[in-house]
Amino acid sequence: MFGTLVLVLLVYILGMDRSLLTDQQNYLDNFSESASLEWLRSVFEDESLLTGLITQVFSEELLWRLWATVVGLLVTPPTAVLVTICVLNLLVVASVSRLPGPVLGLALWIVLPVGLAVTGLIQLRQGFAFAVLLFFAVRLNKPVLGSLLAAMIHTTFALAFVFAVIGWALRSKPLVSVGVSLLVALALSASGALLFALFGGRRLETYSVDEGATSIFYVFGGLLCILPSLFWMLTKSAPERADPNTATLSWLALIHIGSTAFTLFSFFIFPLGAGRVGYLSQLMLIPILPALRPRREGGLALGLFSLLLLYVVYLAGKSYGEGIYDLFFRR
């Protein structure tokens, strides 16, 4: 089943017509402009070189710039876009193949509205960052390094890095790490406008801090998505006493809790944060939900597992009605 899904995914990606997709032209321009190396000037324009490097590593997404430059120099922009899509999806495939439920993990990537249909085919920087985080965490058991690299691809993953560091520092105290993550999420959302001014980069001219999620159902959805990770952190052994796979999933669960809590707090405090980071609430279900084993964990795990599967079905049906999956049926 897993091999069949992978084959269908690759055939679809290689054969689809991307010419009418939103953001396609933006990425064509991105690969073309990065290959000219003009972006390097912005790194050295700051009055303080050290300060400029520290902030622009994230605000200008240095690792993405380097990727776009290298690939843009080697192949044409359309081919560079296709290469990026293939690499990010293969990284996701390689990662979920190591999960306790690989078929479910890959199915979630395909079905979740913010998965393949958005971050896997259209919003490539977010998808690439998520794929790198997942690969380094699941395949290499290095969630802190993976989240740091992901933050250099897309700024929003700086949140994942913060919570990964908290998970590492408090790895012997999972309950404390959850409490600290919630407090940090609240503090970050309260200072969201300041952080955006420091690390917003080129987005400062595009976005307003008042933009973001506008429906209370967004909050309910986030609360539902966070439940499996809370269950995991409250019932598993401390990561330092667990096997590497369980420890990695604990760190990913903490990233899920922290980033989702940030979006929930931001809904009321910093709307832009809720809108820009909210996709992590769904994407982080991909490694966490398959790890729940209802037959082994008991009735509560079964209830959570069933509830989240129903929620995913609801999201898929709602997104289908909104046209999110229309690109899957485009010839």
Protein backbone atom coordinates (compact mmCIF):
# COMPACT_ATOMS: atom_id res chain seq x y z
CA MET A 1 0.00 0.00 0.00
CA PHE A 2 2.78 2.41 0.93
CA GLY A 3 4.69 1.69 -2.29
CA THR A 4 1.55 2.18 -4.36
CA LEU A 5 0.87 5.57 -2.75
CA VAL A 6 4.47 6.66 -3.36
CA LEU A 7 4.30 5.59 -7.01
CA VAL A 8 1.02 7.43 -7.60
CA LEU A 9 2.41 10.51 -5.85
CA LEU A 10 5.56 10.62 -7.98
CA VAL A 11 3.74 9.99 -11.25
CA TYR A 12 1.29 12.77 -10.44
CA ILE A 13 4.02 15.25 -9.47
CA LEU A 14 6.09 14.59 -12.59
CA GLY A 15 3.12 14.67 -14.93
CA MET A 16 1.03 17.58 -13.66
CA ASP A 17 0.71 20.90 -15.45
CA ARG A 18 1.95 23.63 -13.09
CA SER A 19 1.52 26.54 -15.49
CA LEU A 20 -1.82 27.66 -14.00
CA LEU A 21 -0.97 27.17 -10.33
CA THR A 22 -0.80 30.15 -7.99
CA ASP A 23 2.72 31.08 -6.83
CA GLN A 24 4.25 29.31 -9.85
CA GLN A 25 5.49 32.57 -11.37
CA ASN A 26 6.81 33.75 -8.02
CA TYR A 27 9.03 30.70 -7.73
CA LEU A 28 10.17 30.95 -11.34
CA ASP A 29 11.26 34.51 -10.58
CA ASN A 30 12.80 33.39 -7.31
CA PHE A 31 15.05 30.81 -8.94
CA SER A 32 15.95 33.20 -11.73
CA GLU A 33 16.81 36.09 -9.39
CA SER A 34 18.70 33.94 -6.89
CA ALA A 35 20.92 32.60 -9.65
CA SER A 36 21.98 36.20 -10.38
CA LEU A 37 23.33 36.47 -6.78
CA GLU A 38 21.78 39.94 -6.37
CA TRP A 39 20.29 38.81 -3.05
CA LEU A 40 23.76 38.76 -1.47
CA ARG A 41 23.79 42.55 -1.35
CA SER A 42 21.02 42.66 1.25
CA VAL A 43 23.11 40.56 3.64
CA PHE A 44 25.83 43.21 3.72
CA GLU A 45 23.65 46.33 3.67
CA ASP A 46 23.05 46.38 7.43
CA GLU A 47 25.15 48.86 9.38
CA SER A 48 26.27 46.11 11.71
CA LEU A 49 27.45 43.08 9.77
CA LEU A 50 27.09 40.74 12.75
CA THR A 51 23.57 41.91 13.56
CA GLY A 52 22.64 41.77 9.90
CA LEU A 53 23.87 38.20 9.54
CA ILE A 54 22.10 37.01 12.69
CA THR A 55 18.74 38.47 11.70
CA GLN A 56 18.94 37.86 7.97
CA VAL A 57 19.90 34.21 8.30
CA PHE A 58 16.25 33.83 9.28
CA SER A 59 14.46 36.88 7.89
CA GLU A 60 15.96 36.39 4.41
CA GLU A 61 15.83 32.58 4.72
CA LEU A 62 19.49 32.08 3.86
CA LEU A 63 19.34 28.34 3.33
CA TRP A 64 16.47 28.70 0.87
CA ARG A 65 18.43 31.40 -0.96
CA LEU A 66 21.42 29.10 -1.22
CA TRP A 67 19.22 26.25 -2.47
CA ALA A 68 17.56 28.48 -5.05
CA THR A 69 20.93 29.82 -6.17
CA VAL A 70 22.59 26.43 -6.64
CA VAL A 71 19.61 24.79 -8.33
CA GLY A 72 18.90 27.94 -10.36
CA LEU A 73 22.46 27.93 -11.68
CA LEU A 74 22.29 24.26 -12.67
CA VAL A 75 18.90 24.08 -14.39
CA THR A 76 16.22 26.34 -15.85
CA PRO A 77 13.67 27.91 -13.45
CA PRO A 78 10.80 25.56 -14.43
CA THR A 79 13.05 22.55 -13.88
CA ALA A 80 14.29 24.03 -10.60
CA VAL A 81 10.71 24.26 -9.36
CA LEU A 82 10.07 20.64 -10.33
CA VAL A 83 13.30 19.48 -8.68
CA THR A 84 12.33 21.27 -5.48
CA ILE A 85 8.87 19.69 -5.47
CA CYS A 86 10.31 16.23 -6.02
CA VAL A 87 12.98 16.63 -3.33
CA LEU A 88 10.60 17.93 -0.67
CA ASN A 89 8.05 15.19 -1.35
CA LEU A 90 10.73 12.50 -1.36
CA LEU A 91 12.00 13.81 1.97
CA VAL A 92 8.48 13.51 3.38
CA VAL A 93 8.14 9.99 1.95
CA ALA A 94 11.52 8.95 3.40
CA SER A 95 10.50 10.36 6.77
CA VAL A 96 7.04 8.83 7.09
CA SER A 97 8.43 5.45 6.02
CA ARG A 98 10.10 5.33 9.46
CA LEU A 99 6.93 6.15 11.37
CA PRO A 100 4.98 3.43 13.21
CA GLY A 101 2.15 3.89 10.68
CA PRO A 102 3.79 4.87 7.37
CA VAL A 103 0.66 4.42 5.24
CA LEU A 104 -1.37 6.69 7.51
CA GLY A 105 1.45 9.23 7.63
CA LEU A 106 1.65 9.43 3.83
CA ALA A 107 -2.13 9.48 3.53
CA LEU A 108 -2.27 12.43 5.92
CA TRP A 109 0.31 14.28 3.80
CA ILE A 110 -1.85 13.73 0.74
CA VAL A 111 -5.24 14.44 2.35
CA LEU A 112 -4.57 17.29 4.79
CA PRO A 113 -5.52 20.60 3.14
CA VAL A 114 -2.18 22.19 4.05
CA GLY A 115 -0.23 19.09 2.99
CA LEU A 116 0.44 18.05 -0.59
CA ALA A 117 -2.19 20.36 -2.13
CA VAL A 118 -0.62 23.47 -0.59
CA THR A 119 2.85 23.09 0.93
CA GLY A 120 3.72 20.11 -1.27
CA LEU A 121 2.93 21.73 -4.62
CA ILE A 122 2.36 25.48 -4.22
CA GLN A 123 3.93 27.04 -1.11
CA LEU A 124 7.25 25.35 -1.64
CA ARG A 125 9.37 27.12 0.96
CA GLN A 126 7.02 26.07 3.76
CA GLY A 127 6.84 22.55 2.36
CA PHE A 128 10.61 22.29 1.93
CA ALA A 129 11.19 23.53 5.49
CA PHE A 130 8.70 21.01 6.89
CA ALA A 131 10.25 18.18 4.88
CA VAL A 132 13.76 19.03 6.15
CA LEU A 133 12.55 19.19 9.76
CA LEU A 134 10.75 15.88 9.43
CA PHE A 135 13.68 14.14 7.73
CA PHE A 136 16.29 15.27 10.25
CA ALA A 137 13.99 14.45 13.16
CA VAL A 138 12.59 11.09 12.09
CA ARG A 139 15.41 9.66 9.97
CA LEU A 140 18.43 11.17 11.75
CA ASN A 141 16.99 11.71 15.26
CA LYS A 142 18.17 15.34 15.24
CA PRO A 143 15.04 17.48 15.72
CA VAL A 144 16.95 20.52 17.03
CA LEU A 145 19.25 20.63 14.01
CA GLY A 146 16.35 19.90 11.68
CA SER A 147 14.26 22.75 13.08
CA LEU A 148 17.23 25.14 12.86
CA LEU A 149 17.78 24.29 9.20
CA ALA A 150 14.04 24.56 8.55
CA ALA A 151 14.04 28.06 10.10
CA MET A 152 16.69 29.08 7.57
CA ILE A 153 14.37 27.91 4.79
CA HIS A 154 11.18 29.50 6.10
CA THR A 155 11.14 31.96 8.99
CA THR A 156 8.04 30.55 10.67
CA PHE A 157 9.99 27.42 11.61
CA ALA A 158 12.02 29.53 14.03
CA LEU A 159 9.13 28.70 16.38
CA ALA A 160 9.80 24.99 15.89
CA PHE A 161 13.46 25.59 16.74
CA VAL A 162 12.56 27.39 20.00
CA PHE A 163 10.35 24.54 21.17
CA ALA A 164 12.84 21.89 20.02
CA VAL A 165 15.49 23.56 22.18
CA ILE A 166 13.07 23.59 25.14
CA GLY A 167 12.46 19.88 24.56
CA TRP A 168 16.20 19.21 24.55
CA ALA A 169 16.92 21.32 27.63
CA LEU A 170 14.06 19.75 29.64
CA ARG A 171 14.22 16.28 28.12
CA SER A 172 14.16 14.64 31.56
CA LYS A 173 11.01 16.56 32.57
CA PRO A 174 8.33 16.18 29.87
CA LEU A 175 5.54 17.71 31.95
CA VAL A 176 7.67 20.73 32.81
CA SER A 177 8.65 21.12 29.16
CA VAL A 178 4.97 21.30 28.20
CA GLY A 179 4.30 23.99 30.80
CA VAL A 180 7.36 26.01 29.78
CA SER A 181 6.40 25.71 26.11
CA LEU A 182 2.92 27.09 26.81
CA LEU A 183 4.40 30.04 28.70
CA VAL A 184 6.94 30.70 25.95
CA ALA A 185 4.20 30.48 23.33
CA LEU A 186 2.21 33.10 25.23
CA ALA A 187 5.26 35.36 25.56
CA LEU A 188 6.12 35.02 21.87
CA SER A 189 2.59 35.83 20.78
CA ALA A 190 2.54 38.86 23.10
CA SER A 191 5.78 40.12 21.54
CA GLY A 192 4.78 39.02 18.04
CA ALA A 193 4.65 42.53 16.57
CA LEU A 194 8.19 43.27 17.77
CA LEU A 195 9.52 39.97 16.46
CA PHE A 196 7.86 40.62 13.11
CA ALA A 197 9.53 44.03 12.94
CA LEU A 198 12.92 42.40 13.58
CA PHE A 199 12.61 39.29 11.42
CA GLY A 200 9.84 40.12 8.96
CA GLY A 201 12.32 41.04 6.24
CA ARG A 202 10.72 41.70 2.88
CA ARG A 203 7.29 40.77 4.30
CA LEU A 204 7.13 44.06 6.19
CA GLU A 205 5.98 45.70 2.98
CA THR A 206 3.36 43.04 2.31
CA TYR A 207 1.65 42.08 5.56
CA SER A 208 -0.08 43.91 8.38
CA VAL A 209 0.10 42.60 11.95
CA ASP A 210 -3.70 42.70 12.03
CA GLU A 211 -3.99 40.08 9.29
CA GLY A 212 -4.66 36.49 10.26
CA ALA A 213 -7.29 33.94 11.17
CA THR A 214 -10.72 35.45 11.72
CA SER A 215 -12.94 32.51 12.74
CA ILE A 216 -13.32 31.06 16.22
CA PHE A 217 -13.48 27.64 14.53
CA TYR A 218 -9.77 28.15 13.88
CA VAL A 219 -9.23 27.99 17.65
CA PHE A 220 -11.39 24.86 18.02
CA GLY A 221 -9.47 23.20 15.19
CA GLY A 222 -6.15 23.99 16.83
CA LEU A 223 -7.35 22.61 20.14
CA LEU A 224 -8.37 19.37 18.43
CA CYS A 225 -5.06 19.04 16.58
CA ILE A 226 -3.05 19.51 19.75
CA LEU A 227 -4.75 16.69 21.68
CA PRO A 228 -2.67 13.74 20.33
CA SER A 229 0.58 15.54 21.17
CA LEU A 230 -0.63 16.40 24.67
CA PHE A 231 -1.64 12.76 25.18
CA TRP A 232 1.80 11.64 23.96
CA MET A 233 3.70 14.00 26.27
CA LEU A 234 1.56 13.15 29.29
CA THR A 235 1.81 9.38 28.92
CA LYS A 236 5.29 8.65 27.53
CA SER A 237 8.55 8.29 29.41
CA ALA A 238 11.01 11.16 29.49
CA PRO A 239 12.88 11.29 26.16
CA GLU A 240 16.26 10.66 27.77
CA ARG A 241 14.99 7.30 29.11
CA ALA A 242 13.16 6.32 25.94
CA ASP A 243 14.35 4.71 22.73
CA PRO A 244 15.51 7.16 20.02
CA ASN A 245 12.27 6.96 18.00
CA THR A 246 10.08 7.65 21.02
CA ALA A 247 12.37 10.49 22.11
CA THR A 248 12.21 12.09 18.66
CA LEU A 249 8.44 11.85 18.57
CA SER A 250 8.31 13.46 22.01
CA TRP A 251 10.29 16.43 20.72
CA LEU A 252 8.05 16.67 17.67
CA ALA A 253 5.00 16.50 19.93
CA LEU A 254 6.41 19.40 21.97
CA ILE A 255 7.03 21.40 18.78
CA HIS A 256 3.41 20.67 17.85
CA ILE A 257 2.13 21.81 21.24
CA GLY A 258 4.23 24.96 21.32
CA SER A 259 3.58 26.10 17.76
CA THR A 260 -0.16 25.39 18.01
CA ALA A 261 -0.38 27.17 21.36
CA PHE A 262 1.36 30.14 19.74
CA THR A 263 -1.26 30.28 16.99
CA LEU A 264 -4.10 29.99 19.50
CA PHE A 265 -2.73 32.81 21.68
CA SER A 266 -1.96 34.85 18.58
CA PHE A 267 -5.57 34.59 17.45
CA PHE A 268 -6.38 36.98 20.29
CA ILE A 269 -3.08 38.89 20.57
CA PHE A 270 -1.18 38.84 17.26
CA PRO A 271 -3.48 37.86 14.36
CA LEU A 272 -0.68 37.71 11.77
CA GLY A 273 1.06 35.02 13.80
CA ALA A 274 -2.06 32.86 13.76
CA GLY A 275 -2.42 33.19 10.01
CA ARG A 276 1.24 32.67 9.12
CA VAL A 277 2.04 29.76 11.44
CA GLY A 278 -1.30 27.99 11.65
CA TYR A 279 -0.44 25.39 9.01
CA LEU A 280 1.96 23.73 11.48
CA SER A 281 -0.99 22.65 13.63
CA GLN A 282 -2.15 20.30 10.87
CA LEU A 283 1.22 19.30 9.42
CA MET A 284 2.59 18.12 12.76
CA LEU A 285 -0.23 15.59 12.93
CA ILE A 286 1.64 13.63 10.25
CA PRO A 287 4.32 12.24 12.59
CA ILE A 288 2.23 12.26 15.78
CA LEU A 289 -1.13 10.73 14.86
CA PRO A 290 0.29 7.50 13.33
CA ALA A 291 2.39 7.03 16.48
CA LEU A 292 -0.76 6.55 18.58
CA ARG A 293 -1.50 2.85 18.76
CA PRO A 294 -5.09 2.51 19.98
CA ARG A 295 -4.83 -1.23 20.63
CA ARG A 296 -1.83 -0.75 22.91
CA GLU A 297 -2.57 2.60 24.52
CA GLY A 298 -6.14 1.91 25.54
CA GLY A 299 -9.53 3.54 25.21
CA LEU A 300 -8.44 7.17 25.48
CA ALA A 301 -5.93 6.76 22.66
CA LEU A 302 -8.60 5.06 20.55
CA GLY A 303 -10.99 7.93 21.21
CA LEU A 304 -8.42 10.58 20.30
CA PHE A 305 -7.31 8.65 17.24
CA SER A 306 -10.89 8.28 15.99
CA LEU A 307 -11.75 11.91 16.77
CA LEU A 308 -8.76 13.24 14.83
CA LEU A 309 -9.44 10.95 11.87
CA LEU A 310 -13.01 12.28 11.77
CA TYR A 311 -11.64 15.82 11.94
CA VAL A 312 -9.28 15.13 9.04
CA VAL A 313 -12.22 13.77 7.01
CA TYR A 314 -14.18 16.93 7.88
CA LEU A 315 -11.25 19.13 6.81
CA ALA A 316 -10.91 17.22 3.56
CA GLY A 317 -14.61 17.55 2.76
CA LYS A 318 -14.67 21.24 3.64
CA SER A 319 -11.52 21.90 1.58
CA TYR A 320 -12.92 19.98 -1.37
CA GLY A 321 -15.96 22.22 -1.33
CA GLU A 322 -13.68 25.28 -1.23
CA GLY A 323 -11.71 24.07 -4.26
CA ILE A 324 -8.44 23.37 -2.44
CA TYR A 325 -8.10 20.00 -4.19
CA ASP A 326 -9.07 21.23 -7.66
CA LEU A 327 -5.46 20.97 -8.82
CA PHE A 328 -5.59 17.21 -8.23
CA PHE A 329 -8.19 16.86 -10.96
CA ARG A 330 -6.73 19.34 -13.44
CA ARG A 331 -5.53 17.76 -16.66
